[in-house]
Every structure is written in C-alpha cells, then in structure tokens.
Protein backbone atom coordinates (compact mmCIF):
# COMPACT_ATOMS: atom_id res chain seq x y z
CA MET A 1 112.13 154.32 368.95
CA ASN A 2 110.22 156.45 366.44
CA ASP A 3 113.48 158.07 365.30
CA LEU A 4 114.97 154.65 364.62
CA LYS A 5 111.97 153.66 362.52
CA LYS A 6 112.19 156.89 360.56
CA SER A 7 115.90 156.46 359.87
CA THR A 8 115.61 152.90 358.55
CA PRO A 9 114.05 153.67 355.13
CA SER A 10 116.56 156.49 354.57
CA THR A 11 119.49 154.24 355.46
CA LYS A 12 118.19 151.47 353.21
CA LEU A 13 117.77 153.93 350.32
CA TYR A 14 121.29 155.25 350.83
CA LEU A 15 122.75 151.72 350.70
CA GLU A 16 120.70 150.92 347.61
CA ILE A 17 122.03 154.03 345.85
CA VAL A 18 125.63 153.18 346.75
CA GLU A 19 125.12 149.64 345.43
CA LYS A 20 123.57 150.98 342.22
CA LEU A 21 126.50 153.34 341.79
CA ARG A 22 128.92 150.43 342.24
CA GLU A 23 127.06 148.35 339.65
CA MET A 24 126.98 151.29 337.22
CA ILE A 25 130.73 151.88 337.62
CA GLU A 26 131.39 148.19 336.99
CA SER A 27 129.07 147.94 333.98
CA ASP A 28 130.53 151.11 332.44
CA GLY A 29 134.06 149.77 332.95
CA LEU A 30 135.13 152.84 334.91
CA VAL A 31 138.40 152.71 336.82
CA SER A 32 140.46 154.98 339.06
CA GLY A 33 140.84 158.40 337.44
CA ASP A 34 137.72 158.11 335.28
CA LYS A 35 134.95 160.68 335.46
CA ILE A 36 131.51 159.55 336.64
CA PRO A 37 128.24 160.95 335.25
CA SER A 38 126.75 164.17 336.59
CA GLU A 39 124.15 164.23 339.39
CA ARG A 40 121.41 164.79 336.82
CA GLU A 41 122.46 161.85 334.67
CA LEU A 42 122.87 159.61 337.72
CA SER A 43 119.42 160.61 338.90
CA GLU A 44 117.95 159.69 335.53
CA ARG A 45 119.86 156.44 335.16
CA LEU A 46 119.29 155.21 338.70
CA HIS A 47 115.74 156.56 338.98
CA VAL A 48 116.52 158.32 342.25
CA GLY A 49 116.07 161.95 343.30
CA ARG A 50 119.03 164.27 342.84
CA SER A 51 119.12 165.10 346.57
CA SER A 52 119.57 161.40 347.40
CA ILE A 53 122.29 161.08 344.75
CA ARG A 54 124.02 164.14 346.19
CA GLU A 55 124.01 162.66 349.70
CA ALA A 56 125.44 159.34 348.50
CA LEU A 57 128.18 161.09 346.52
CA ARG A 58 129.02 163.29 349.49
CA ALA A 59 129.44 160.22 351.71
CA LEU A 60 131.67 158.49 349.12
CA GLU A 61 133.76 161.64 348.82
CA LEU A 62 134.21 161.83 352.60
CA LEU A 63 135.53 158.28 352.46
CA GLY A 64 137.93 159.35 349.72
CA LEU A 65 136.50 156.96 347.13
CA ILE A 66 135.61 159.77 344.73
CA GLU A 67 136.74 163.37 344.38
CA THR A 68 135.08 166.46 342.95
CA ARG A 69 137.23 168.79 340.87
CA ARG A 70 135.77 172.24 340.52
CA GLY A 71 134.74 172.94 336.96
CA GLU A 72 135.62 169.40 335.83
CA GLY A 73 133.28 166.95 337.57
CA THR A 74 133.53 163.95 339.90
CA PHE A 75 136.20 161.28 339.48
CA ILE A 76 136.91 157.84 340.91
CA ARG A 77 139.87 157.66 343.24
CA ASP A 78 142.08 154.69 343.99
CA TYR A 79 141.06 153.33 347.40
CA GLN A 80 144.76 153.22 348.32
CA ASP A 81 144.92 157.01 348.18
CA HIS A 82 142.34 157.78 350.83
CA ASN A 83 142.76 157.99 354.61
CA LEU A 84 140.10 155.44 355.59
CA ILE A 85 142.70 152.75 356.29
CA GLN A 86 144.69 155.05 358.58
CA LEU A 87 141.48 156.13 360.28
CA LEU A 88 140.38 152.55 360.96
CA GLY A 89 143.90 151.67 362.01
CA THR A 90 143.87 154.20 364.82
CA PHE A 91 141.07 152.17 366.42
CA PHE A 92 141.78 148.46 366.08
CA LEU A 93 145.60 148.62 365.79
CA GLN A 94 145.80 149.65 369.45
CA ASP A 95 145.51 145.99 370.43
CA PRO A 96 149.03 144.38 370.66
CA LYS A 97 147.57 141.01 369.59
CA VAL A 98 146.18 142.60 366.42
CA LYS A 99 149.62 144.01 365.63
CA LEU A 100 151.17 140.55 365.95
CA ASP A 101 148.46 139.06 363.74
CA LEU A 102 149.06 141.83 361.21
CA ALA A 103 152.77 141.04 360.89
CA GLU A 104 152.03 137.32 360.59
CA THR A 105 149.35 137.90 357.95
CA LYS A 106 151.66 140.13 355.89
CA GLU A 107 154.42 137.51 355.94
CA TYR A 108 151.92 134.77 355.01
CA LEU A 109 150.71 136.79 352.01
CA GLU A 110 154.25 137.59 350.91
CA THR A 111 155.27 133.93 351.14
CA ASN A 112 152.35 132.92 348.95
CA CYS A 113 153.06 135.71 346.48
CA ILE A 114 156.65 134.50 346.22
CA GLN A 115 155.43 130.98 345.36
CA ILE A 116 153.02 132.31 342.75
CA VAL A 117 155.59 134.61 341.15
CA ILE A 118 158.17 131.83 340.91
CA SER A 119 155.66 129.48 339.30
CA SER A 120 153.94 131.93 336.94
CA ALA A 121 156.10 134.99 336.18
CA THR A 122 157.92 134.99 332.85
CA GLU A 123 161.70 135.08 332.50
CA GLN A 124 161.37 138.58 331.09
CA GLU A 125 159.34 139.79 334.08
CA LEU A 126 161.82 138.36 336.58
CA GLN A 127 164.79 139.78 334.67
CA HIS A 128 163.12 143.18 334.57
CA PHE A 129 162.61 142.93 338.34
CA LEU A 130 166.29 142.10 338.80
CA ASN A 131 167.32 145.03 336.59
CA TRP A 132 165.13 147.37 338.61
CA ALA A 133 166.64 146.12 341.89
CA THR A 134 170.24 146.44 340.71
CA GLU A 135 169.90 149.89 339.16
CA GLN A 136 168.64 151.91 342.13
CA ALA A 137 168.21 152.19 345.86
CA PHE A 138 164.89 150.99 347.21
CA SER A 139 163.05 150.49 350.48
CA ASP A 140 161.70 147.14 351.65
CA ASP A 141 158.21 148.49 351.01
CA GLU A 142 159.08 149.44 347.43
CA PHE A 143 160.75 146.07 346.81
CA PHE A 144 157.75 144.02 347.91
CA THR A 145 155.28 146.31 346.17
CA LYS A 146 157.12 145.48 342.94
CA LEU A 147 157.25 141.78 343.77
CA VAL A 148 153.55 141.53 344.67
CA ALA A 149 152.66 143.28 341.41
CA LEU A 150 154.25 140.33 339.55
CA ASN A 151 151.88 137.95 341.31
CA SER A 152 149.16 136.69 338.96
CA ASN A 153 146.55 136.46 341.73
CA TYR A 154 144.97 139.90 341.56
CA LEU A 155 142.90 139.46 344.72
CA MET A 156 145.92 138.44 346.77
CA ALA A 157 147.78 141.49 345.52
CA ARG A 158 144.91 143.76 346.57
CA ILE A 159 144.68 142.10 350.00
CA TRP A 160 148.44 142.50 350.50
CA THR A 161 148.16 146.18 349.57
CA ILE A 162 145.49 146.71 352.22
CA VAL A 163 147.38 144.74 354.88
CA ASN A 164 150.55 146.63 354.03
CA SER A 165 148.68 149.91 354.45
CA TYR A 166 147.63 148.81 357.92
CA ALA A 167 151.25 147.86 358.62
CA ARG A 168 152.28 151.39 357.70
CA ALA A 169 149.61 152.80 360.02
CA ALA A 170 151.00 150.58 362.80
CA ASN A 171 154.59 151.63 362.00
CA GLN A 172 155.42 148.04 361.04
CA VAL A 173 157.06 148.79 357.70
CA SER A 174 160.40 146.97 357.60
CA GLU A 175 163.62 148.78 356.94
CA ALA A 176 165.53 147.64 353.87
CA ILE A 177 168.39 145.43 355.01
CA GLU A 178 171.52 144.32 353.19
CA TYR A 179 171.22 145.23 349.52
CA ASP A 180 172.91 141.99 348.42
CA SER A 181 170.33 139.98 350.36
CA TYR A 182 167.51 141.26 348.14
CA ILE A 183 169.55 140.66 344.98
CA ARG A 184 170.33 137.10 346.06
CA PHE A 185 166.64 136.61 346.74
CA VAL A 186 165.70 137.68 343.20
CA HIS A 187 168.33 135.35 341.73
CA LEU A 188 166.79 132.45 343.65
CA MET A 189 163.42 133.36 342.16
CA ILE A 190 164.90 133.46 338.66
CA GLU A 191 166.35 130.00 339.30
CA ARG A 192 162.78 128.91 340.24
CA ASN A 193 164.13 127.60 343.53
CA THR A 194 161.00 128.04 345.64
CA ASN A 195 162.23 126.39 348.85
CA GLN A 196 165.50 128.29 348.99
CA ALA A 197 163.85 131.56 347.99
CA ILE A 198 161.29 131.33 350.81
CA SER A 199 163.94 130.20 353.29
CA HIS A 200 166.09 133.17 352.29
CA TYR A 201 163.11 135.52 352.60
CA LEU A 202 162.30 134.30 356.11
CA LYS A 203 165.84 134.11 357.50
CA ASN A 204 167.64 136.95 355.74
CA ILE A 205 164.94 139.49 354.88
CA ARG A 206 162.25 139.06 357.55
CA LYS A 207 164.77 137.65 360.05
CA ILE A 208 162.46 134.79 361.01
CA SER A 209 163.76 131.29 361.48
CA ASN A 210 161.69 128.73 359.60
CA ASP A 211 163.31 125.79 361.31
CA GLU A 212 160.97 123.38 362.99
C-alpha cells in the first residue's frame, strides 16, 4: 500500500511532463522529422528537473514516438513507423470477434472516404489518381492509401491509417484483384457517381454484396 502511494506522485509528474511536451511540440509547430530541444532546454522551458525529462523522453522513445540520433539530437517520429500498433495487436486481435469488427470498421471508413473524395476532390486530383493507377502495378493497400489521402477529412484519414495498421497485424490486408476493376472504380469516382462507385467497391473490390 505504501509503495502505491509513493508511486502516485511520480506517475502524475511523468504524465504532466508528457502532456507539457505534447503542448510544446504543438505550439512550436513541430512535425514528424523535426528536432526537439535538448534535455537542458526542455528542463528550463518546462520547469522540470533534467532527470524527469530524461525519463519521459526514454519512455517516448521506447514507444517509438521519438528517436535519438547520436551526435544529432532527438527527433519526432511518425507514429505509423513504430511497432506499438503491432504490439497491441498481438493482444486484442486474438479475439475472432475483434477481427470481424476490424474488417467491418475498415470497410465503413473506406466507404465514407469514397463519398468524401467524390464530393470534394478536384478534377485534377482524381485525374492524377487515375494516371497513377494506370501507369504502374499496385497492391490493394497502396491503392486505398492513395485514395484515403485524397479525402479532405484529416481525422478520418488518420483513423483509417491506424485501423489499416491493425488489419496488417491481423493479416487482413486484401490482395489486389482484377486490375481493370480498380480502374473502373476510379472512372466512376471521376464521373461523381457515388452510388455506383460504392456498389462497385463492395461487390467487385471487397467482394461484399450490398443487396438488402
């Protein structure tokens, strides 16, 4: 019981430091690949001891959210690059029901992204997407990564990226099917035919019947 009481202030301080670091990164406009201040500067700016800063940075590095380059400093990493998603996936993706929910969630997000892209993407963006699709081989994962990037809802794109990462961890990444099916799908998007595009996506790409 005494140990629990002793650990509480330390845990609270650690969380406060992490939150302060997040706020500092946001206020400084730092993004993936940018260098963060040194331990000394962070200690001065956040008014926290260097040992506490060091512990917080070490924890963030273990999670893969930052990386230290010898002789260069500490840099922000893209959350997509670290192994936390795969690590978490090994635990909760063991449940068959979770795997079914994952596939359903991914398809729901993709359907909504398709609607948003059709309604908001420019003719130039859609034509560029078509050119990309017709000029090279691609996997289903690469195709939908490109499509989701055209979606104007940034949060939905980030959520899809995370869900797709879990799908990879669960070996649920779809194989690319008939090349012409993807090209036809893009043409339907260019024609702004939302109903037919989604129907084509469900029946011919995801192989799901959307009939009632």
